[in-house]
């Protein structure tokens, strides 16, 4: 395994390695790269996708003046693994320990911000970068940190980081006027939310459509309305960033991508393999390069972002990157389907939060692999005997605490609303198949319906073939290794498990001593 020092030496040589891959055009007009990522915001919360009760004019502007992607997907709907896929350009199951939430990240991985910085860019991030987890190197994988400037938040639970001021400070530090690569990651709309804050913003809960997997009542509507306030705050940050670029005459040559790491922090969404959890908002804007007003249906995934940014910077993707650049889509003048090979997305998860056990094993995952095409979602739950949102004993830790969660957990089997508890927290079938066009909330499992046998068979064959090609350990009988990778937050584990706690690193070293 490379040391941190050797990684830095390798990165330092990249300008030489990549200089032959830089075209004359990109040398003359290397664009700035601004990546904007929300924390726990659903695609359906943005006006560009039809939302009417939350106002998102800044995101909508990027979509209107650029491209709106209708089929953009994370590969793993949780912060650390989703962000690792962005930064490395690799699929979750190719990232070893970093397929898990709160990992101890290996120093073997290279990250696109470092590679682009080494080619002559000015690099940094503000807000939330990669995490949570323990990373190697001198700085967060998202870049050099710019988080010193604070503000007084307008509402409780909003971050005190002044994203806009920190971004401006970063730009002002660029005294050599290098092209920049910057990661702007807000903490919104991560839990918890200020209770009833929607009343201060005049968001009317009566106008809110409630997903089919929730009861439609005052509690869920109020919770979603409070979430909406945080979405609007995030959008305000986008607006300020665009204004700042305009004031500094930088907007004309800046590639901007705006997205979220996964869906909203509600039961059955965040951390779960259902459509709202992994199907994300995604818009790109680049004046003079991207034809405005386009809507693209091609399937893109988070591992495709890093090679796209590399190509924008005039570099070839690093050999570790297995995603595919979508630069050809960005510069095309077409809408609809541009690349017919981009017709599906692969998805998966391993261990997210602690609080799930299997015999004497602590902090095990809920392994899933899935495939999503234009109409269907197929998911394989490899350990369906486990609790998908975490053990009841530990209060379903893979679901953030919220009024909606408390409501669902209050339902008893005698209550007609108990079905909502089961949808979010109950155990699941090994196979799940949903018709997304007619059932976007993934309520009606068609996996055992004979009418859909051939469809399910075809999806399984395609999924497993692709995962084998990508060397997914699950396809070769080695998937249990993900349960043994150490979880990085030891104090939290000790507090949760008490006398049951054991040193995961020692167990991993004993069981997998042959892994270097």
Protein backbone atom coordinates (compact mmCIF):
# COMPACT_ATOMS: atom_id res chain seq x y z
CA UNK A 1 0.00 0.00 0.00
CA UNK A 2 1.32 3.42 -0.92
CA UNK A 3 2.05 5.87 1.82
CA UNK A 4 0.57 9.34 1.85
CA UNK A 5 3.98 10.71 0.93
CA UNK A 6 4.24 8.48 -2.13
CA UNK A 7 0.77 9.53 -3.25
CA UNK A 8 1.84 13.18 -3.05
CA UNK A 9 4.97 12.42 -5.06
CA UNK A 10 2.87 10.64 -7.68
CA UNK A 11 0.44 13.55 -7.93
CA UNK A 12 3.31 16.01 -8.17
CA UNK A 13 4.51 14.31 -11.36
CA UNK A 14 1.12 14.50 -13.05
CA UNK A 15 1.73 17.68 -15.06
CA UNK A 16 4.53 15.82 -16.85
CA UNK A 17 2.49 12.66 -17.30
CA UNK A 18 -0.53 14.48 -18.65
CA UNK A 19 1.08 17.29 -20.63
CA UNK A 20 1.01 15.26 -23.81
CA UNK A 21 -2.73 14.79 -23.40
CA UNK A 22 -3.55 18.50 -23.25
CA UNK A 23 -4.89 19.91 -26.51
CA UNK A 24 -3.98 23.36 -27.80
CA UNK A 25 -7.59 24.51 -27.45
CA UNK A 26 -7.88 23.50 -23.78
CA UNK A 27 -4.49 25.03 -22.99
CA UNK A 28 -5.76 28.35 -24.28
CA UNK A 29 -9.23 28.18 -22.74
CA UNK A 30 -9.04 25.90 -19.73
CA UNK A 31 -12.35 26.37 -17.92
CA UNK A 32 -12.95 26.94 -14.27
CA UNK A 33 -14.81 24.03 -12.66
CA UNK A 34 -17.40 24.62 -9.95
CA UNK A 35 -19.07 21.59 -8.42
CA UNK A 36 -22.08 22.34 -6.20
CA UNK A 37 -23.46 19.53 -4.07
CA UNK A 38 -26.31 19.55 -1.57
CA UNK A 39 -26.57 17.27 1.44
CA UNK A 40 -29.74 15.12 1.46
CA UNK A 41 -31.92 16.91 -1.10
CA UNK A 42 -34.30 14.99 -3.38
CA UNK A 43 -34.52 15.55 -7.12
CA UNK A 44 -38.26 16.14 -6.81
CA UNK A 45 -37.61 19.12 -4.52
CA UNK A 46 -36.31 21.29 -7.36
CA UNK A 47 -38.53 23.53 -9.46
CA UNK A 48 -36.86 22.34 -12.66
CA UNK A 49 -38.31 18.89 -11.99
CA UNK A 50 -41.80 20.21 -11.33
CA UNK A 51 -41.80 21.14 -7.64
CA UNK A 52 -44.20 24.02 -6.91
CA UNK A 53 -44.05 24.45 -3.12
CA UNK A 54 -40.25 24.93 -2.84
CA UNK A 55 -38.61 27.83 -4.67
CA UNK A 56 -35.29 26.98 -6.34
CA UNK A 57 -34.64 29.76 -8.90
CA UNK A 58 -30.86 29.37 -8.86
CA UNK A 59 -30.80 25.65 -9.61
CA UNK A 60 -33.54 26.23 -12.17
CA UNK A 61 -31.39 28.92 -13.80
CA UNK A 62 -28.52 26.46 -14.27
CA UNK A 63 -30.97 24.04 -15.87
CA UNK A 64 -32.50 26.73 -18.11
CA UNK A 65 -29.16 28.14 -19.22
CA UNK A 66 -27.60 24.72 -19.61
CA UNK A 67 -28.69 21.09 -19.39
CA UNK A 68 -31.16 19.37 -17.11
CA UNK A 69 -30.42 15.65 -16.75
CA UNK A 70 -33.49 13.51 -16.10
CA UNK A 71 -31.58 10.29 -15.41
CA UNK A 72 -28.69 11.05 -13.06
CA UNK A 73 -27.92 8.55 -10.31
CA UNK A 74 -25.70 8.02 -7.32
CA UNK A 75 -24.27 4.53 -7.04
CA UNK A 76 -24.69 4.36 -3.26
CA UNK A 77 -27.20 6.67 -1.49
CA UNK A 78 -25.23 7.75 1.57
CA UNK A 79 -22.84 10.69 2.02
CA UNK A 80 -19.40 9.09 2.31
CA UNK A 81 -19.73 6.40 -0.39
CA UNK A 82 -21.63 8.70 -2.76
CA UNK A 83 -18.96 11.40 -2.48
CA UNK A 84 -16.15 8.86 -2.76
CA UNK A 85 -17.61 7.78 -6.10
CA UNK A 86 -17.60 11.38 -7.31
CA UNK A 87 -14.04 12.09 -6.27
CA UNK A 88 -12.46 8.84 -7.46
CA UNK A 89 -14.55 8.18 -10.55
CA UNK A 90 -15.13 4.63 -9.31
CA UNK A 91 -18.23 2.61 -8.53
CA UNK A 92 -18.99 1.97 -4.88
CA UNK A 93 -18.19 -1.77 -4.95
CA UNK A 94 -14.80 -0.93 -6.49
CA UNK A 95 -13.81 1.22 -3.52
CA UNK A 96 -13.16 -1.48 -0.91
CA UNK A 97 -13.59 0.12 2.55
CA UNK A 98 -14.92 3.32 1.00
CA UNK A 99 -18.06 1.53 -0.17
CA UNK A 100 -19.09 1.91 3.49
CA UNK A 101 -20.22 4.95 5.42
CA UNK A 102 -17.71 6.30 7.99
CA UNK A 103 -14.76 4.35 6.56
CA UNK A 104 -11.06 4.65 7.17
CA UNK A 105 -10.19 5.57 3.59
CA UNK A 106 -7.13 3.99 2.02
CA UNK A 107 -4.34 6.15 0.62
CA UNK A 108 -4.37 4.10 -2.59
CA UNK A 109 -7.12 6.22 -4.17
CA UNK A 110 -6.49 9.33 -6.24
CA UNK A 111 -9.01 12.19 -6.39
CA UNK A 112 -9.86 14.41 -9.32
CA UNK A 113 -9.23 17.72 -7.43
CA UNK A 114 -5.62 16.69 -6.74
CA UNK A 115 -5.08 15.58 -10.33
CA UNK A 116 -6.50 18.78 -11.76
CA UNK A 117 -4.59 20.94 -9.27
CA UNK A 118 -1.38 19.23 -10.34
CA UNK A 119 -2.04 20.30 -13.93
CA UNK A 120 -1.99 23.97 -12.94
CA UNK A 121 -5.37 24.70 -11.37
CA UNK A 122 -6.15 26.55 -8.12
CA UNK A 123 -8.10 24.13 -5.92
CA UNK A 124 -10.29 24.24 -2.82
CA UNK A 125 -13.61 23.49 -1.17
CA UNK A 126 -16.04 24.98 1.31
CA UNK A 127 -18.80 23.46 3.42
CA UNK A 128 -19.02 19.69 3.39
CA UNK A 129 -16.44 17.87 1.29
CA UNK A 130 -15.90 14.14 1.48
CA UNK A 131 -17.15 12.49 4.66
CA UNK A 132 -17.89 11.37 7.19
CA UNK A 133 -14.85 9.21 7.67
CA UNK A 134 -11.09 9.29 8.10
CA UNK A 135 -9.07 10.33 5.06
CA UNK A 136 -5.35 10.21 4.21
CA UNK A 137 -3.24 13.12 3.06
CA UNK A 138 -2.95 16.77 4.01
CA UNK A 139 -6.46 17.85 3.10
CA UNK A 140 -9.98 16.60 2.52
CA UNK A 141 -10.25 14.69 -0.78
CA UNK A 142 -12.53 17.50 -2.04
CA UNK A 143 -9.68 20.02 -1.82
CA UNK A 144 -7.95 22.52 0.44
CA UNK A 145 -10.43 23.71 3.04
CA UNK A 146 -11.95 27.21 3.06
CA UNK A 147 -14.32 27.22 6.04
CA UNK A 148 -12.98 29.89 8.37
CA UNK A 149 -15.57 32.57 7.68
CA UNK A 150 -18.74 32.13 9.74
CA UNK A 151 -22.17 33.73 9.90
CA UNK A 152 -25.16 33.75 12.22
CA UNK A 153 -27.57 31.20 10.72
CA UNK A 154 -31.07 32.47 9.95
CA UNK A 155 -32.62 29.31 11.40
CA UNK A 156 -31.62 26.63 13.88
CA UNK A 157 -29.77 23.67 12.32
CA UNK A 158 -28.53 25.74 9.36
CA UNK A 159 -24.73 25.63 9.20
CA UNK A 160 -22.76 28.60 10.53
CA UNK A 161 -20.32 28.28 7.63
CA UNK A 162 -20.57 31.24 5.29
CA UNK A 163 -20.27 29.33 2.04
CA UNK A 164 -20.47 32.39 -0.19
CA UNK A 165 -17.89 34.41 1.75
CA UNK A 166 -15.53 31.45 1.83
CA UNK A 167 -15.92 30.94 -1.91
CA UNK A 168 -15.17 34.64 -2.46
CA UNK A 169 -12.12 34.43 -0.21
CA UNK A 170 -10.91 31.44 -2.23
CA UNK A 171 -11.30 33.37 -5.48
CA UNK A 172 -9.46 36.38 -4.03
CA UNK A 173 -6.56 34.15 -2.98
CA UNK A 174 -6.03 33.12 -6.59
CA UNK A 175 -3.48 35.88 -7.19
CA UNK A 176 -1.98 34.13 -10.22
CA UNK A 177 -5.37 33.98 -11.96
CA UNK A 178 -5.12 30.27 -12.52
CA UNK A 179 -8.20 28.36 -13.65
CA UNK A 180 -9.88 27.02 -10.52
CA UNK A 181 -11.50 23.77 -9.49
CA UNK A 182 -13.80 24.27 -6.51
CA UNK A 183 -16.18 22.07 -4.52
CA UNK A 184 -19.08 23.95 -2.92
CA UNK A 185 -20.85 21.53 -0.58
CA UNK A 186 -23.62 22.80 1.65
CA UNK A 187 -24.72 20.96 4.78
CA UNK A 188 -28.34 21.59 3.88
CA UNK A 189 -30.77 19.84 4.00
CA UNK A 190 -29.20 17.48 6.53
CA UNK A 191 -31.13 16.69 9.70
CA UNK A 192 -32.14 18.05 12.11
CA UNK A 193 -34.55 20.80 11.03
CA UNK A 194 -35.92 23.59 13.17
CA UNK A 195 -39.46 22.54 14.14
CA UNK A 196 -42.16 24.51 12.30
CA UNK A 197 -39.59 26.75 10.61
CA UNK A 198 -41.76 26.60 7.48
CA UNK A 199 -44.14 29.03 9.16
CA UNK A 200 -41.41 31.70 9.09
CA UNK A 201 -40.97 31.19 5.34
CA UNK A 202 -44.68 30.94 4.55
CA UNK A 203 -44.39 27.47 3.04
CA UNK A 204 -47.94 26.13 3.13
CA UNK A 205 -48.03 22.44 4.13
CA UNK A 206 -51.43 22.12 2.47
CA UNK A 207 -49.73 22.45 -0.93
CA UNK A 208 -47.30 19.59 -0.33
CA UNK A 209 -47.79 16.24 -2.08
CA UNK A 210 -46.91 13.38 0.28
CA UNK A 211 -45.19 10.24 -1.01
CA UNK A 212 -47.27 7.06 -1.10
CA UNK A 213 -45.07 5.40 1.51
CA UNK A 214 -46.00 8.02 4.16
CA UNK A 215 -49.32 8.74 5.83
CA UNK A 216 -50.71 12.04 4.63
CA UNK A 217 -51.20 14.06 7.80
CA UNK A 218 -50.12 17.20 9.64
CA UNK A 219 -46.92 15.65 10.99
CA UNK A 220 -45.50 14.46 7.67
CA UNK A 221 -46.56 17.61 5.85
CA UNK A 222 -45.01 19.83 8.50
CA UNK A 223 -41.79 17.82 8.45
CA UNK A 224 -41.53 18.05 4.66
CA UNK A 225 -42.30 21.79 4.81
CA UNK A 226 -39.48 22.32 7.34
CA UNK A 227 -37.19 20.41 4.99
CA UNK A 228 -38.26 22.76 2.20
CA UNK A 229 -36.83 25.75 4.08
CA UNK A 230 -33.39 24.12 4.03
CA UNK A 231 -33.69 23.36 0.34
CA UNK A 232 -34.41 27.03 -0.33
CA UNK A 233 -31.40 28.02 1.78
CA UNK A 234 -29.20 25.73 -0.31
CA UNK A 235 -30.60 27.29 -3.46
CA UNK A 236 -29.82 30.78 -2.12
CA UNK A 237 -26.19 29.66 -1.80
CA UNK A 238 -26.18 28.61 -5.46
CA UNK A 239 -27.59 32.01 -6.41
CA UNK A 240 -24.90 33.85 -4.49
CA UNK A 241 -22.18 31.75 -6.13
CA UNK A 242 -23.52 32.57 -9.60
CA UNK A 243 -23.73 36.27 -8.75
CA UNK A 244 -20.16 36.24 -7.45
CA UNK A 245 -18.89 34.65 -10.66
CA UNK A 246 -20.75 37.26 -12.69
CA UNK A 247 -19.30 40.13 -10.65
CA UNK A 248 -15.79 38.77 -11.19
CA UNK A 249 -16.38 38.13 -14.90
CA UNK A 250 -15.77 34.41 -14.38
CA UNK A 251 -19.13 32.99 -15.35
CA UNK A 252 -18.40 32.91 -19.09
CA UNK A 253 -15.73 30.24 -18.79
CA UNK A 254 -16.88 28.19 -15.81
CA UNK A 255 -18.30 24.69 -16.06
CA UNK A 256 -20.88 24.42 -13.28
CA UNK A 257 -22.53 21.21 -12.15
CA UNK A 258 -25.15 21.20 -9.39
CA UNK A 259 -26.49 18.06 -7.75
CA UNK A 260 -27.08 16.35 -4.37
CA UNK A 261 -25.41 13.35 -2.78
CA UNK A 262 -28.77 11.49 -2.48
CA UNK A 263 -32.39 12.00 -1.53
CA UNK A 264 -33.99 13.72 1.45
CA UNK A 265 -33.32 12.53 5.02
CA UNK A 266 -36.62 10.76 5.50
CA UNK A 267 -37.50 7.10 6.10
CA UNK A 268 -37.28 4.85 3.04
CA UNK A 269 -35.39 7.51 1.06
CA UNK A 270 -31.93 8.38 2.37
CA UNK A 271 -29.71 5.31 2.44
CA UNK A 272 -32.24 3.06 0.73
CA UNK A 273 -32.31 1.56 -2.75
CA UNK A 274 -35.56 3.09 -3.91
CA UNK A 275 -35.87 5.68 -6.64
CA UNK A 276 -36.05 8.85 -4.57
CA UNK A 277 -32.97 7.81 -2.62
CA UNK A 278 -30.60 7.46 -5.57
CA UNK A 279 -32.21 9.34 -8.48
CA UNK A 280 -30.80 12.84 -8.08
CA UNK A 281 -31.15 16.38 -9.37
CA UNK A 282 -28.41 17.18 -11.85
CA UNK A 283 -27.88 20.27 -13.99
CA UNK A 284 -24.88 21.64 -15.87
CA UNK A 285 -24.13 25.11 -17.25
CA UNK A 286 -21.16 26.28 -19.35
CA UNK A 287 -21.68 29.37 -21.45
CA UNK A 288 -20.45 29.07 -25.00
CA UNK A 289 -20.02 25.30 -24.68
CA UNK A 290 -23.41 24.01 -23.49
CA UNK A 291 -26.41 24.85 -25.63
CA UNK A 292 -29.00 26.33 -23.23
CA UNK A 293 -32.36 24.81 -22.46
CA UNK A 294 -31.53 21.20 -23.22
CA UNK A 295 -33.12 18.25 -21.42
CA UNK A 296 -31.09 15.05 -21.62
CA UNK A 297 -32.40 11.55 -20.89
CA UNK A 298 -29.10 9.65 -21.04
CA UNK A 299 -28.22 7.77 -17.87
CA UNK A 300 -25.22 9.18 -16.04
CA UNK A 301 -23.78 8.09 -12.68
CA UNK A 302 -21.59 9.75 -10.08
CA UNK A 303 -18.41 7.90 -11.20
CA UNK A 304 -18.81 9.70 -14.54
CA UNK A 305 -18.23 13.12 -12.97
CA UNK A 306 -14.49 12.82 -12.28
CA UNK A 307 -13.50 11.78 -15.84
CA UNK A 308 -15.74 14.55 -17.20
CA UNK A 309 -13.95 17.17 -15.11
CA UNK A 310 -10.60 15.69 -16.13
CA UNK A 311 -11.52 16.03 -19.80
CA UNK A 312 -12.76 19.59 -19.24
CA UNK A 313 -9.35 20.42 -17.77
CA UNK A 314 -7.59 18.96 -20.82
CA UNK A 315 -6.53 15.73 -19.12
CA UNK A 316 -7.14 12.08 -19.76
CA UNK A 317 -9.00 10.25 -16.97
CA UNK A 318 -6.71 8.58 -14.44
CA UNK A 319 -6.27 4.83 -14.91
CA UNK A 320 -8.15 4.20 -11.65
CA UNK A 321 -11.31 5.90 -12.95
CA UNK A 322 -13.90 3.46 -14.24
CA UNK A 323 -16.67 5.98 -14.90
CA UNK A 324 -17.18 7.39 -18.39
CA UNK A 325 -16.89 11.07 -19.26
CA UNK A 326 -20.09 12.68 -20.52
CA UNK A 327 -18.30 15.64 -22.10
CA UNK A 328 -19.72 14.56 -25.47
CA UNK A 329 -23.22 15.05 -24.02
CA UNK A 330 -22.37 18.46 -22.60
CA UNK A 331 -21.12 19.85 -25.89
CA UNK A 332 -23.74 18.20 -28.07
CA UNK A 333 -26.58 20.36 -29.34
CA UNK A 334 -29.12 17.56 -28.98
CA UNK A 335 -31.73 16.86 -26.33
CA UNK A 336 -33.40 13.60 -25.41
CA UNK A 337 -31.26 10.49 -25.85
CA UNK A 338 -27.78 11.24 -27.21
CA UNK A 339 -25.75 8.10 -26.40
CA UNK A 340 -27.94 5.00 -26.66
CA UNK A 341 -25.43 2.96 -24.64
CA UNK A 342 -26.26 5.06 -21.59
CA UNK A 343 -29.53 3.20 -20.97
CA UNK A 344 -29.23 2.04 -17.35
CA UNK A 345 -27.57 2.67 -14.00
CA UNK A 346 -26.00 0.28 -11.50
CA UNK A 347 -26.62 0.83 -7.80
CA UNK A 348 -25.64 -0.73 -4.51
CA UNK A 349 -24.90 -0.40 -0.84
CA UNK A 350 -23.04 -2.17 1.91
CA UNK A 351 -22.67 -0.84 5.47
CA UNK A 352 -24.07 2.56 6.18
CA UNK A 353 -24.65 3.42 9.83
CA UNK A 354 -23.82 1.31 12.85
CA UNK A 355 -26.54 -0.47 14.80
CA UNK A 356 -27.12 -3.60 12.72
CA UNK A 357 -25.87 -6.95 14.02
CA UNK A 358 -25.62 -10.52 12.77
CA UNK A 359 -24.94 -13.00 15.54
CA UNK A 360 -21.79 -11.79 17.26
CA UNK A 361 -20.87 -9.50 14.37
CA UNK A 362 -21.48 -5.80 15.02
CA UNK A 363 -21.99 -2.98 12.54
CA UNK A 364 -22.76 -5.19 9.57
CA UNK A 365 -24.30 -3.88 6.38
CA UNK A 366 -27.44 -4.47 4.38
CA UNK A 367 -25.90 -5.45 1.04
CA UNK A 368 -27.89 -4.64 -2.08
CA UNK A 369 -27.14 -4.48 -5.77
CA UNK A 370 -29.61 -3.01 -8.22
CA UNK A 371 -30.13 -1.96 -11.81
CA UNK A 372 -32.38 0.85 -13.01
CA UNK A 373 -33.38 1.38 -16.63
CA UNK A 374 -35.93 3.70 -18.20
CA UNK A 375 -38.88 1.78 -16.78
CA UNK A 376 -37.83 -0.73 -14.15
CA UNK A 377 -35.82 -0.99 -10.95
CA UNK A 378 -34.60 -4.43 -9.92
CA UNK A 379 -32.88 -4.87 -6.53
CA UNK A 380 -31.24 -7.91 -4.96
CA UNK A 381 -31.13 -7.92 -1.14
CA UNK A 382 -28.33 -10.35 -0.38
CA UNK A 383 -29.00 -10.57 3.37
CA UNK A 384 -32.76 -10.12 3.48
CA UNK A 385 -32.90 -11.65 6.95
CA UNK A 386 -31.28 -8.48 8.32
CA UNK A 387 -33.13 -5.27 9.17
CA UNK A 388 -32.74 -2.85 6.23
CA UNK A 389 -32.80 0.34 8.33
CA UNK A 390 -30.87 -1.12 11.28
CA UNK A 391 -31.86 -3.23 14.26
CA UNK A 392 -34.94 -2.21 16.30
CA UNK A 393 -32.79 -2.69 19.42
CA UNK A 394 -30.66 0.25 18.32
CA UNK A 395 -33.54 2.39 17.04
CA UNK A 396 -33.04 1.83 13.30
CA UNK A 397 -29.81 3.81 13.05
CA UNK A 398 -29.74 3.85 9.25
CA UNK A 399 -32.59 6.35 9.33
CA UNK A 400 -32.15 9.87 10.72
CA UNK A 401 -34.32 10.80 13.67
CA UNK A 402 -37.28 12.96 12.67
CA UNK A 403 -40.95 13.63 13.41
CA UNK A 404 -41.84 11.37 10.47
CA UNK A 405 -39.67 8.53 11.80
CA UNK A 406 -41.18 8.84 15.29
CA UNK A 407 -44.67 8.77 13.80
CA UNK A 408 -44.04 5.61 11.81
CA UNK A 409 -42.45 3.87 14.78
CA UNK A 410 -45.51 4.68 16.89
CA UNK A 411 -47.78 2.52 14.74
CA UNK A 412 -48.64 -0.92 16.14
CA UNK A 413 -49.71 -3.95 14.06
CA UNK A 414 -53.35 -3.24 14.93
CA UNK A 415 -53.18 0.24 13.44
CA UNK A 416 -54.29 0.58 9.79
CA UNK A 417 -51.23 2.78 9.24
CA UNK A 418 -48.85 0.00 10.31
CA UNK A 419 -48.20 -0.62 6.60
CA UNK A 420 -46.18 2.59 6.54
CA UNK A 421 -43.94 1.28 9.32
CA UNK A 422 -43.39 -1.92 7.34
CA UNK A 423 -42.52 -0.07 4.14
CA UNK A 424 -39.79 1.93 5.88
CA UNK A 425 -38.51 -0.39 8.58
CA UNK A 426 -39.82 -3.92 7.98
CA UNK A 427 -37.79 -6.73 6.48
CA UNK A 428 -37.78 -7.08 2.72
CA UNK A 429 -37.95 -9.75 0.06
CA UNK A 430 -34.75 -10.99 -1.48
CA UNK A 431 -35.90 -9.78 -4.91
CA UNK A 432 -37.61 -6.45 -5.60
CA UNK A 433 -38.90 -5.22 -8.95
CA UNK A 434 -40.74 -1.95 -9.55
CA UNK A 435 -42.31 -0.30 -12.57
CA UNK A 436 -40.94 3.22 -12.09
CA UNK A 437 -43.16 4.80 -14.73
CA UNK A 438 -46.34 3.66 -12.98
CA UNK A 439 -44.99 3.36 -9.44
CA UNK A 440 -42.26 5.92 -8.83
CA UNK A 441 -42.57 5.49 -5.04
CA UNK A 442 -41.71 1.78 -5.39
CA UNK A 443 -44.69 0.40 -3.48
CA UNK A 444 -45.82 -2.59 -5.56
CA UNK A 445 -43.15 -5.30 -5.72
CA UNK A 446 -43.56 -7.21 -9.00
CA UNK A 447 -40.66 -9.60 -8.48
CA UNK A 448 -42.83 -12.67 -7.92
CA UNK A 449 -45.43 -11.84 -10.57
CA UNK A 450 -45.12 -14.41 -13.42
CA UNK A 451 -46.00 -11.70 -15.93
CA UNK A 452 -42.68 -9.97 -15.16
CA UNK A 453 -40.48 -13.08 -15.04
CA UNK A 454 -38.67 -12.38 -18.31
CA UNK A 455 -38.16 -8.72 -17.46
CA UNK A 456 -36.66 -9.62 -14.09
CA UNK A 457 -34.46 -12.31 -15.64
CA UNK A 458 -33.13 -9.91 -18.25
CA UNK A 459 -32.35 -7.23 -15.66
CA UNK A 460 -30.56 -9.73 -13.39
CA UNK A 461 -28.43 -11.00 -16.26
CA UNK A 462 -27.45 -7.50 -17.33
CA UNK A 463 -26.73 -6.39 -13.76
CA UNK A 464 -24.60 -9.40 -12.86
CA UNK A 465 -22.72 -9.30 -16.14
CA UNK A 466 -21.79 -5.66 -15.61
CA UNK A 467 -20.88 -6.17 -11.94
CA UNK A 468 -18.63 -9.09 -12.83
CA UNK A 469 -16.93 -6.94 -15.45
CA UNK A 470 -16.35 -4.36 -12.71
CA UNK A 471 -14.91 -7.03 -10.35
CA UNK A 472 -17.57 -6.57 -7.68
CA UNK A 473 -16.61 -8.89 -4.78
CA UNK A 474 -20.30 -9.78 -4.32
CA UNK A 475 -20.29 -11.47 -7.71
CA UNK A 476 -17.45 -13.80 -6.73
CA UNK A 477 -18.52 -14.87 -3.24
CA UNK A 478 -16.31 -12.38 -1.38
CA UNK A 479 -18.87 -9.76 -0.44
CA UNK A 480 -18.75 -10.40 3.30
CA UNK A 481 -15.48 -8.46 3.43
CA UNK A 482 -17.53 -5.24 3.51
CA UNK A 483 -18.89 -6.24 6.94
CA UNK A 484 -15.36 -6.45 8.33
CA UNK A 485 -13.87 -3.21 7.11
CA UNK A 486 -13.36 -1.08 10.25
CA UNK A 487 -15.89 1.65 10.99
CA UNK A 488 -14.06 4.89 11.73
CA UNK A 489 -16.12 6.33 14.59
CA UNK A 490 -14.89 4.22 17.51
CA UNK A 491 -16.30 6.39 20.35
CA UNK A 492 -19.79 6.18 18.85
CA UNK A 493 -19.55 2.41 18.54
CA UNK A 494 -18.32 2.01 22.11
CA UNK A 495 -21.20 4.12 23.39
CA UNK A 496 -23.76 2.16 21.38
CA UNK A 497 -22.59 -1.41 21.96
CA UNK A 498 -21.11 -1.18 25.45
CA UNK A 499 -19.64 -4.53 26.53
CA UNK A 500 -20.39 -6.05 23.12
CA UNK A 501 -17.94 -3.70 21.41
CA UNK A 502 -14.78 -5.15 19.85
CA UNK A 503 -11.88 -3.75 17.86
CA UNK A 504 -12.94 -4.12 14.22
CA UNK A 505 -9.44 -3.37 12.95
CA UNK A 506 -7.96 -6.32 14.84
CA UNK A 507 -10.66 -8.69 13.61
CA UNK A 508 -10.16 -7.48 10.05
CA UNK A 509 -6.39 -7.94 10.28
CA UNK A 510 -6.82 -11.50 11.55
CA UNK A 511 -9.43 -12.55 9.00
CA UNK A 512 -7.93 -10.81 5.96
CA UNK A 513 -4.21 -10.93 6.72
CA UNK A 514 -3.46 -11.65 3.06
CA UNK A 515 -4.85 -8.28 1.94
CA UNK A 516 -2.19 -5.61 1.58
